[in-house]
Amino acid sequence: PLDLHALDVDFAVFSGHKMLAPTGIGVLYGRRGLLDAMPPFLTGGSMITTVTMEKAEFLPAPQRFEAGTQRVSQAVAFAEAVRYLRAAGMDRVEAWDAQLGQRLVEGLSALDGIRVVGPGVGVERIGLAAFDVDGVHAHDVGQFLD
């Protein structure tokens, strides 16, 4: 587990879809004092305590950042994704991710015109790889693969 308090982190964020949840939901962790000092970037019902012609006063965090109708189905799916990953065991997930990373690097390394950037075959890694395609701009490769 990651102890954000021990790391003395001001803010941390991650997207739910990186954990098998749907898009459109994620997590924002922030120090209470910093979150309470930040103005909300969206406004709507259920996050305001007082509204006058001169000003609006907002609830403390996290409610001050929860304007309007929340994404209930995404939140339920996110919770289920977390349960699924916990039941599978993050050690197994990490091992599978490493296997996929090796397979990716091996496959890319076997292709003519592809250069893997960073650790090569046989080096412990996560399931990501950076690579260049000879004669093709990285933006064009990204557009093609998206």
N, C-alpha and C. Protein backbone atom coordinates (compact mmCIF):
# COMPACT_ATOMS: atom_id res chain seq x y z
N PRO A 1 0.82 -1.21 0.00
CA PRO A 1 0.00 0.00 0.00
C PRO A 1 0.86 1.26 0.00
N LEU A 2 0.33 2.28 -0.57
CA LEU A 2 1.01 3.56 -0.67
C LEU A 2 0.50 4.46 0.46
N ASP A 3 1.39 4.94 1.31
CA ASP A 3 1.02 5.80 2.43
C ASP A 3 1.29 7.25 2.05
N LEU A 4 0.25 7.94 1.58
CA LEU A 4 0.40 9.32 1.12
C LEU A 4 0.74 10.26 2.26
N HIS A 5 0.28 9.95 3.47
CA HIS A 5 0.64 10.78 4.62
C HIS A 5 2.14 10.70 4.90
N ALA A 6 2.67 9.49 4.89
CA ALA A 6 4.10 9.31 5.15
C ALA A 6 4.96 9.95 4.07
N LEU A 7 4.44 9.99 2.85
CA LEU A 7 5.18 10.61 1.74
C LEU A 7 5.05 12.12 1.73
N ASP A 8 4.18 12.65 2.60
CA ASP A 8 3.97 14.10 2.71
C ASP A 8 3.52 14.70 1.38
N VAL A 9 2.57 14.02 0.74
CA VAL A 9 2.05 14.41 -0.57
C VAL A 9 1.02 15.52 -0.43
N ASP A 10 1.09 16.54 -1.28
CA ASP A 10 0.05 17.57 -1.32
C ASP A 10 -1.17 17.07 -2.08
N PHE A 11 -0.96 16.53 -3.27
CA PHE A 11 -2.03 16.03 -4.12
C PHE A 11 -1.60 14.74 -4.81
N ALA A 12 -2.56 13.86 -5.06
CA ALA A 12 -2.34 12.66 -5.87
C ALA A 12 -3.64 12.39 -6.63
N VAL A 13 -3.53 11.97 -7.86
CA VAL A 13 -4.71 11.68 -8.68
C VAL A 13 -4.47 10.39 -9.46
N PHE A 14 -5.57 9.71 -9.79
CA PHE A 14 -5.49 8.62 -10.77
C PHE A 14 -6.85 8.40 -11.39
N SER A 15 -6.84 7.81 -12.57
CA SER A 15 -8.06 7.56 -13.34
C SER A 15 -8.57 6.16 -13.07
N GLY A 16 -9.87 6.04 -12.95
CA GLY A 16 -10.48 4.74 -12.71
C GLY A 16 -10.26 3.76 -13.84
N HIS A 17 -10.23 4.24 -15.08
CA HIS A 17 -10.10 3.31 -16.20
C HIS A 17 -8.75 2.59 -16.20
N LYS A 18 -7.79 3.11 -15.47
CA LYS A 18 -6.50 2.42 -15.34
C LYS A 18 -6.61 1.22 -14.40
N MET A 19 -7.76 1.10 -13.72
CA MET A 19 -8.00 -0.01 -12.80
C MET A 19 -9.20 -0.84 -13.23
N LEU A 20 -9.50 -0.84 -14.53
CA LEU A 20 -10.59 -1.63 -15.11
C LEU A 20 -11.96 -1.02 -14.87
N ALA A 21 -12.05 0.18 -14.35
CA ALA A 21 -13.32 0.88 -14.16
C ALA A 21 -13.66 1.64 -15.44
N PRO A 22 -14.87 2.17 -15.54
CA PRO A 22 -15.22 2.94 -16.73
C PRO A 22 -14.48 4.28 -16.77
N THR A 23 -14.54 4.92 -17.92
CA THR A 23 -13.98 6.26 -18.04
C THR A 23 -14.89 7.25 -17.32
N GLY A 24 -14.36 8.43 -17.05
CA GLY A 24 -15.17 9.49 -16.46
C GLY A 24 -15.18 9.50 -14.95
N ILE A 25 -14.34 8.70 -14.32
CA ILE A 25 -14.28 8.71 -12.85
C ILE A 25 -12.84 8.45 -12.42
N GLY A 26 -12.48 9.04 -11.31
CA GLY A 26 -11.14 8.87 -10.78
C GLY A 26 -11.09 9.32 -9.34
N VAL A 27 -9.88 9.52 -8.86
CA VAL A 27 -9.67 9.89 -7.47
C VAL A 27 -8.78 11.12 -7.41
N LEU A 28 -9.16 12.06 -6.56
CA LEU A 28 -8.31 13.19 -6.22
C LEU A 28 -8.07 13.13 -4.72
N TYR A 29 -6.82 12.99 -4.33
CA TYR A 29 -6.44 13.06 -2.93
C TYR A 29 -5.74 14.39 -2.75
N GLY A 30 -6.09 15.09 -1.70
CA GLY A 30 -5.41 16.34 -1.39
C GLY A 30 -5.43 16.60 0.10
N ARG A 31 -4.47 17.35 0.54
CA ARG A 31 -4.46 17.75 1.95
C ARG A 31 -5.72 18.59 2.22
N ARG A 32 -6.33 18.34 3.33
CA ARG A 32 -7.59 18.99 3.68
C ARG A 32 -7.47 20.51 3.58
N GLY A 33 -6.45 21.10 4.17
CA GLY A 33 -6.30 22.55 4.14
C GLY A 33 -6.17 23.11 2.74
N LEU A 34 -5.46 22.40 1.88
CA LEU A 34 -5.30 22.85 0.50
C LEU A 34 -6.60 22.73 -0.27
N LEU A 35 -7.31 21.62 -0.07
CA LEU A 35 -8.59 21.44 -0.76
C LEU A 35 -9.61 22.48 -0.31
N ASP A 36 -9.66 22.75 0.99
CA ASP A 36 -10.62 23.73 1.50
C ASP A 36 -10.31 25.13 1.02
N ALA A 37 -9.05 25.42 0.71
CA ALA A 37 -8.66 26.76 0.24
C ALA A 37 -8.91 26.95 -1.26
N MET A 38 -9.09 25.85 -1.98
CA MET A 38 -9.28 25.94 -3.44
C MET A 38 -10.72 26.27 -3.78
N PRO A 39 -10.93 27.18 -4.72
CA PRO A 39 -12.29 27.42 -5.18
C PRO A 39 -12.73 26.28 -6.10
N PRO A 40 -14.01 25.93 -6.09
CA PRO A 40 -14.47 24.89 -7.00
C PRO A 40 -14.38 25.38 -8.45
N PHE A 41 -14.11 24.47 -9.37
CA PHE A 41 -14.03 24.86 -10.78
C PHE A 41 -15.36 24.70 -11.49
N LEU A 42 -16.30 23.97 -10.88
CA LEU A 42 -17.67 23.86 -11.36
C LEU A 42 -18.59 24.18 -10.19
N THR A 43 -19.75 24.71 -10.48
CA THR A 43 -20.71 24.97 -9.41
C THR A 43 -22.04 24.33 -9.76
N GLY A 44 -22.80 24.04 -8.73
CA GLY A 44 -24.11 23.43 -8.92
C GLY A 44 -24.69 23.07 -7.57
N GLY A 45 -25.81 22.37 -7.61
CA GLY A 45 -26.50 22.01 -6.38
C GLY A 45 -25.67 21.13 -5.47
N SER A 46 -26.02 21.12 -4.21
CA SER A 46 -25.45 20.25 -3.18
C SER A 46 -24.03 20.58 -2.77
N MET A 47 -23.49 21.72 -3.19
CA MET A 47 -22.11 22.06 -2.80
C MET A 47 -22.00 23.48 -2.27
N ILE A 48 -23.12 24.17 -2.19
CA ILE A 48 -23.14 25.57 -1.78
C ILE A 48 -23.90 25.70 -0.47
N THR A 49 -23.35 26.48 0.46
CA THR A 49 -24.06 26.73 1.72
C THR A 49 -24.90 27.99 1.63
N THR A 50 -24.37 29.04 1.00
CA THR A 50 -25.05 30.33 0.91
C THR A 50 -24.78 30.96 -0.45
N VAL A 51 -25.83 31.54 -1.03
CA VAL A 51 -25.68 32.29 -2.29
C VAL A 51 -26.38 33.63 -2.11
N THR A 52 -25.64 34.70 -2.39
CA THR A 52 -26.23 36.04 -2.41
C THR A 52 -25.84 36.68 -3.73
N MET A 53 -26.29 37.89 -3.96
CA MET A 53 -25.91 38.62 -5.17
C MET A 53 -24.42 38.95 -5.17
N GLU A 54 -23.82 39.01 -4.00
CA GLU A 54 -22.41 39.40 -3.89
C GLU A 54 -21.44 38.22 -3.86
N LYS A 55 -21.88 37.08 -3.32
CA LYS A 55 -20.93 35.98 -3.14
C LYS A 55 -21.66 34.64 -2.99
N ALA A 56 -20.85 33.60 -3.06
CA ALA A 56 -21.32 32.25 -2.78
C ALA A 56 -20.35 31.63 -1.79
N GLU A 57 -20.88 30.89 -0.84
CA GLU A 57 -20.04 30.17 0.12
C GLU A 57 -20.26 28.68 -0.12
N PHE A 58 -19.15 27.95 -0.12
CA PHE A 58 -19.20 26.55 -0.48
C PHE A 58 -18.95 25.65 0.72
N LEU A 59 -19.45 24.42 0.63
CA LEU A 59 -19.18 23.41 1.65
C LEU A 59 -17.69 23.09 1.67
N PRO A 60 -17.22 22.47 2.75
CA PRO A 60 -15.81 22.05 2.77
C PRO A 60 -15.61 20.89 1.78
N ALA A 61 -14.35 20.60 1.51
CA ALA A 61 -14.02 19.46 0.65
C ALA A 61 -14.43 18.17 1.36
N PRO A 62 -14.85 17.16 0.67
CA PRO A 62 -14.89 17.03 -0.78
C PRO A 62 -16.16 17.56 -1.43
N GLN A 63 -17.19 17.86 -0.63
CA GLN A 63 -18.47 18.28 -1.21
C GLN A 63 -18.36 19.51 -2.09
N ARG A 64 -17.41 20.40 -1.82
CA ARG A 64 -17.29 21.63 -2.61
C ARG A 64 -16.92 21.34 -4.06
N PHE A 65 -16.43 20.14 -4.35
CA PHE A 65 -16.04 19.77 -5.71
C PHE A 65 -17.02 18.79 -6.36
N GLU A 66 -18.19 18.62 -5.75
CA GLU A 66 -19.17 17.65 -6.25
C GLU A 66 -20.43 18.35 -6.73
N ALA A 67 -20.29 19.17 -7.74
CA ALA A 67 -21.42 19.93 -8.27
C ALA A 67 -22.33 19.04 -9.10
N GLY A 68 -23.63 19.25 -8.94
CA GLY A 68 -24.59 18.56 -9.79
C GLY A 68 -24.72 17.08 -9.49
N THR A 69 -25.32 16.38 -10.43
CA THR A 69 -25.56 14.95 -10.29
C THR A 69 -24.26 14.18 -10.45
N GLN A 70 -24.00 13.33 -9.49
CA GLN A 70 -22.77 12.54 -9.52
C GLN A 70 -22.90 11.36 -10.48
N ARG A 71 -21.79 10.83 -10.90
CA ARG A 71 -21.74 9.70 -11.82
C ARG A 71 -21.90 8.40 -11.01
N VAL A 72 -23.13 8.09 -10.68
CA VAL A 72 -23.41 6.98 -9.78
C VAL A 72 -22.99 5.65 -10.40
N SER A 73 -23.37 5.40 -11.64
CA SER A 73 -23.04 4.10 -12.25
C SER A 73 -21.53 3.91 -12.35
N GLN A 74 -20.79 4.98 -12.67
CA GLN A 74 -19.34 4.88 -12.74
C GLN A 74 -18.74 4.61 -11.36
N ALA A 75 -19.31 5.24 -10.32
CA ALA A 75 -18.81 5.03 -8.96
C ALA A 75 -19.03 3.59 -8.51
N VAL A 76 -20.20 3.03 -8.82
CA VAL A 76 -20.48 1.64 -8.47
C VAL A 76 -19.53 0.71 -9.23
N ALA A 77 -19.34 0.98 -10.51
CA ALA A 77 -18.43 0.15 -11.32
C ALA A 77 -16.99 0.27 -10.84
N PHE A 78 -16.59 1.48 -10.42
CA PHE A 78 -15.24 1.69 -9.89
C PHE A 78 -15.05 0.85 -8.63
N ALA A 79 -16.04 0.88 -7.73
CA ALA A 79 -15.95 0.08 -6.51
C ALA A 79 -15.84 -1.41 -6.83
N GLU A 80 -16.59 -1.87 -7.83
CA GLU A 80 -16.51 -3.28 -8.23
C GLU A 80 -15.15 -3.61 -8.83
N ALA A 81 -14.58 -2.69 -9.59
CA ALA A 81 -13.25 -2.91 -10.16
C ALA A 81 -12.21 -3.06 -9.05
N VAL A 82 -12.32 -2.22 -8.02
CA VAL A 82 -11.40 -2.32 -6.89
C VAL A 82 -11.57 -3.67 -6.19
N ARG A 83 -12.83 -4.09 -5.96
CA ARG A 83 -13.07 -5.38 -5.33
C ARG A 83 -12.48 -6.53 -6.17
N TYR A 84 -12.68 -6.45 -7.47
CA TYR A 84 -12.16 -7.48 -8.38
C TYR A 84 -10.64 -7.57 -8.28
N LEU A 85 -9.97 -6.43 -8.34
CA LEU A 85 -8.50 -6.43 -8.28
C LEU A 85 -8.00 -6.93 -6.93
N ARG A 86 -8.68 -6.54 -5.86
CA ARG A 86 -8.27 -7.03 -4.53
C ARG A 86 -8.44 -8.54 -4.44
N ALA A 87 -9.57 -9.05 -4.97
CA ALA A 87 -9.81 -10.50 -4.92
C ALA A 87 -8.79 -11.25 -5.77
N ALA A 88 -8.43 -10.69 -6.91
CA ALA A 88 -7.43 -11.33 -7.78
C ALA A 88 -6.06 -11.32 -7.12
N GLY A 89 -5.79 -10.28 -6.33
CA GLY A 89 -4.49 -10.12 -5.67
C GLY A 89 -3.58 -9.27 -6.52
N MET A 90 -3.16 -8.15 -5.96
CA MET A 90 -2.34 -7.22 -6.73
C MET A 90 -0.99 -7.82 -7.08
N ASP A 91 -0.51 -8.80 -6.31
CA ASP A 91 0.74 -9.46 -6.69
C ASP A 91 0.57 -10.23 -7.99
N ARG A 92 -0.58 -10.87 -8.17
CA ARG A 92 -0.87 -11.58 -9.43
C ARG A 92 -1.05 -10.60 -10.57
N VAL A 93 -1.73 -9.49 -10.30
CA VAL A 93 -1.92 -8.46 -11.33
C VAL A 93 -0.57 -7.91 -11.77
N GLU A 94 0.30 -7.63 -10.81
CA GLU A 94 1.63 -7.11 -11.12
C GLU A 94 2.45 -8.11 -11.94
N ALA A 95 2.38 -9.39 -11.58
CA ALA A 95 3.12 -10.42 -12.31
C ALA A 95 2.61 -10.54 -13.75
N TRP A 96 1.29 -10.51 -13.92
CA TRP A 96 0.71 -10.58 -15.26
C TRP A 96 1.09 -9.36 -16.09
N ASP A 97 1.07 -8.21 -15.46
CA ASP A 97 1.47 -6.97 -16.14
C ASP A 97 2.92 -7.07 -16.61
N ALA A 98 3.78 -7.62 -15.77
CA ALA A 98 5.20 -7.77 -16.15
C ALA A 98 5.35 -8.75 -17.31
N GLN A 99 4.56 -9.84 -17.30
CA GLN A 99 4.60 -10.79 -18.42
C GLN A 99 4.17 -10.13 -19.72
N LEU A 100 3.09 -9.36 -19.64
CA LEU A 100 2.62 -8.65 -20.84
C LEU A 100 3.65 -7.65 -21.33
N GLY A 101 4.33 -6.98 -20.39
CA GLY A 101 5.38 -6.03 -20.76
C GLY A 101 6.51 -6.71 -21.51
N GLN A 102 6.93 -7.89 -21.02
CA GLN A 102 7.98 -8.64 -21.71
C GLN A 102 7.54 -9.07 -23.10
N ARG A 103 6.31 -9.54 -23.17
CA ARG A 103 5.78 -9.97 -24.48
C ARG A 103 5.72 -8.80 -25.45
N LEU A 104 5.33 -7.63 -24.96
CA LEU A 104 5.27 -6.44 -25.80
C LEU A 104 6.66 -6.07 -26.32
N VAL A 105 7.65 -6.04 -25.43
CA VAL A 105 9.01 -5.67 -25.83
C VAL A 105 9.58 -6.70 -26.81
N GLU A 106 9.34 -7.98 -26.54
CA GLU A 106 9.82 -9.02 -27.46
C GLU A 106 9.19 -8.86 -28.84
N GLY A 107 7.89 -8.60 -28.87
CA GLY A 107 7.20 -8.44 -30.15
C GLY A 107 7.66 -7.21 -30.90
N LEU A 108 7.80 -6.10 -30.20
CA LEU A 108 8.26 -4.87 -30.85
C LEU A 108 9.70 -5.02 -31.34
N SER A 109 10.54 -5.66 -30.53
CA SER A 109 11.95 -5.83 -30.89
C SER A 109 12.13 -6.70 -32.12
N ALA A 110 11.17 -7.57 -32.39
CA ALA A 110 11.26 -8.47 -33.54
C ALA A 110 10.83 -7.80 -34.85
N LEU A 111 10.28 -6.60 -34.77
CA LEU A 111 9.79 -5.92 -35.97
C LEU A 111 10.87 -5.05 -36.59
N ASP A 112 11.02 -5.14 -37.90
CA ASP A 112 11.95 -4.25 -38.61
C ASP A 112 11.43 -2.82 -38.54
N GLY A 113 12.33 -1.88 -38.34
CA GLY A 113 11.95 -0.47 -38.33
C GLY A 113 11.43 0.03 -37.00
N ILE A 114 11.42 -0.82 -35.99
CA ILE A 114 10.95 -0.43 -34.65
C ILE A 114 12.15 -0.49 -33.71
N ARG A 115 12.33 0.57 -32.93
CA ARG A 115 13.40 0.62 -31.93
C ARG A 115 12.76 0.84 -30.57
N VAL A 116 12.93 -0.13 -29.67
CA VAL A 116 12.43 0.00 -28.30
C VAL A 116 13.34 0.96 -27.56
N VAL A 117 12.74 1.93 -26.89
CA VAL A 117 13.49 2.92 -26.12
C VAL A 117 13.43 2.49 -24.65
N GLY A 118 14.58 2.40 -24.01
CA GLY A 118 14.61 2.00 -22.61
C GLY A 118 15.01 0.55 -22.47
N PRO A 119 14.67 -0.06 -21.33
CA PRO A 119 15.10 -1.43 -21.07
C PRO A 119 14.61 -2.38 -22.17
N GLY A 120 15.46 -3.30 -22.54
CA GLY A 120 15.12 -4.25 -23.60
C GLY A 120 14.57 -5.55 -23.05
N VAL A 121 14.65 -6.58 -23.87
CA VAL A 121 14.15 -7.90 -23.53
C VAL A 121 14.90 -8.44 -22.31
N GLY A 122 14.15 -9.07 -21.39
CA GLY A 122 14.76 -9.70 -20.23
C GLY A 122 14.93 -8.80 -19.02
N VAL A 123 14.67 -7.52 -19.16
CA VAL A 123 14.79 -6.59 -18.04
C VAL A 123 13.42 -6.45 -17.39
N GLU A 124 13.37 -6.57 -16.06
CA GLU A 124 12.09 -6.44 -15.36
C GLU A 124 11.48 -5.08 -15.63
N ARG A 125 10.19 -5.08 -15.97
CA ARG A 125 9.52 -3.83 -16.33
C ARG A 125 8.02 -3.97 -16.09
N ILE A 126 7.33 -2.85 -16.19
CA ILE A 126 5.87 -2.88 -16.15
C ILE A 126 5.37 -3.08 -17.57
N GLY A 127 4.07 -3.17 -17.74
CA GLY A 127 3.49 -3.47 -19.04
C GLY A 127 3.42 -2.31 -20.00
N LEU A 128 4.44 -1.49 -20.03
CA LEU A 128 4.52 -0.36 -20.95
C LEU A 128 5.84 -0.42 -21.69
N ALA A 129 5.84 0.13 -22.89
CA ALA A 129 7.09 0.22 -23.64
C ALA A 129 7.04 1.46 -24.52
N ALA A 130 8.15 2.16 -24.56
CA ALA A 130 8.30 3.29 -25.47
C ALA A 130 9.07 2.79 -26.69
N PHE A 131 8.66 3.27 -27.87
CA PHE A 131 9.33 2.83 -29.08
C PHE A 131 9.24 3.90 -30.16
N ASP A 132 10.18 3.82 -31.10
CA ASP A 132 10.21 4.69 -32.27
C ASP A 132 9.97 3.85 -33.51
N VAL A 133 9.29 4.45 -34.48
CA VAL A 133 9.12 3.83 -35.79
C VAL A 133 9.96 4.63 -36.77
N ASP A 134 10.89 3.95 -37.43
CA ASP A 134 11.78 4.63 -38.37
C ASP A 134 10.99 5.42 -39.41
N GLY A 135 11.33 6.70 -39.55
CA GLY A 135 10.74 7.53 -40.59
C GLY A 135 9.34 8.02 -40.32
N VAL A 136 8.81 7.77 -39.13
CA VAL A 136 7.44 8.21 -38.81
C VAL A 136 7.48 9.04 -37.53
N HIS A 137 6.86 10.21 -37.56
CA HIS A 137 6.82 11.08 -36.39
C HIS A 137 5.99 10.41 -35.29
N ALA A 138 6.42 10.57 -34.05
CA ALA A 138 5.75 9.94 -32.90
C ALA A 138 4.27 10.32 -32.83
N HIS A 139 3.94 11.56 -33.16
CA HIS A 139 2.54 11.99 -33.14
C HIS A 139 1.71 11.18 -34.14
N ASP A 140 2.27 10.94 -35.31
CA ASP A 140 1.55 10.17 -36.33
C ASP A 140 1.35 8.72 -35.89
N VAL A 141 2.36 8.15 -35.24
CA VAL A 141 2.22 6.79 -34.72
C VAL A 141 1.10 6.75 -33.68
N GLY A 142 1.10 7.73 -32.78
CA GLY A 142 0.06 7.79 -31.75
C GLY A 142 -1.33 7.93 -32.34
N GLN A 143 -1.47 8.78 -33.34
CA GLN A 143 -2.78 8.97 -34.00
C GLN A 143 -3.23 7.67 -34.65
N PHE A 144 -2.31 6.98 -35.30
CA PHE A 144 -2.64 5.72 -35.97
C PHE A 144 -3.08 4.66 -34.96
N LEU A 145 -2.38 4.58 -33.83
CA LEU A 145 -2.67 3.55 -32.83
C LEU A 145 -3.88 3.86 -31.96
N ASP A 146 -4.32 5.11 -31.96
CA ASP A 146 -5.45 5.50 -31.10
C ASP A 146 -6.75 4.98 -31.67
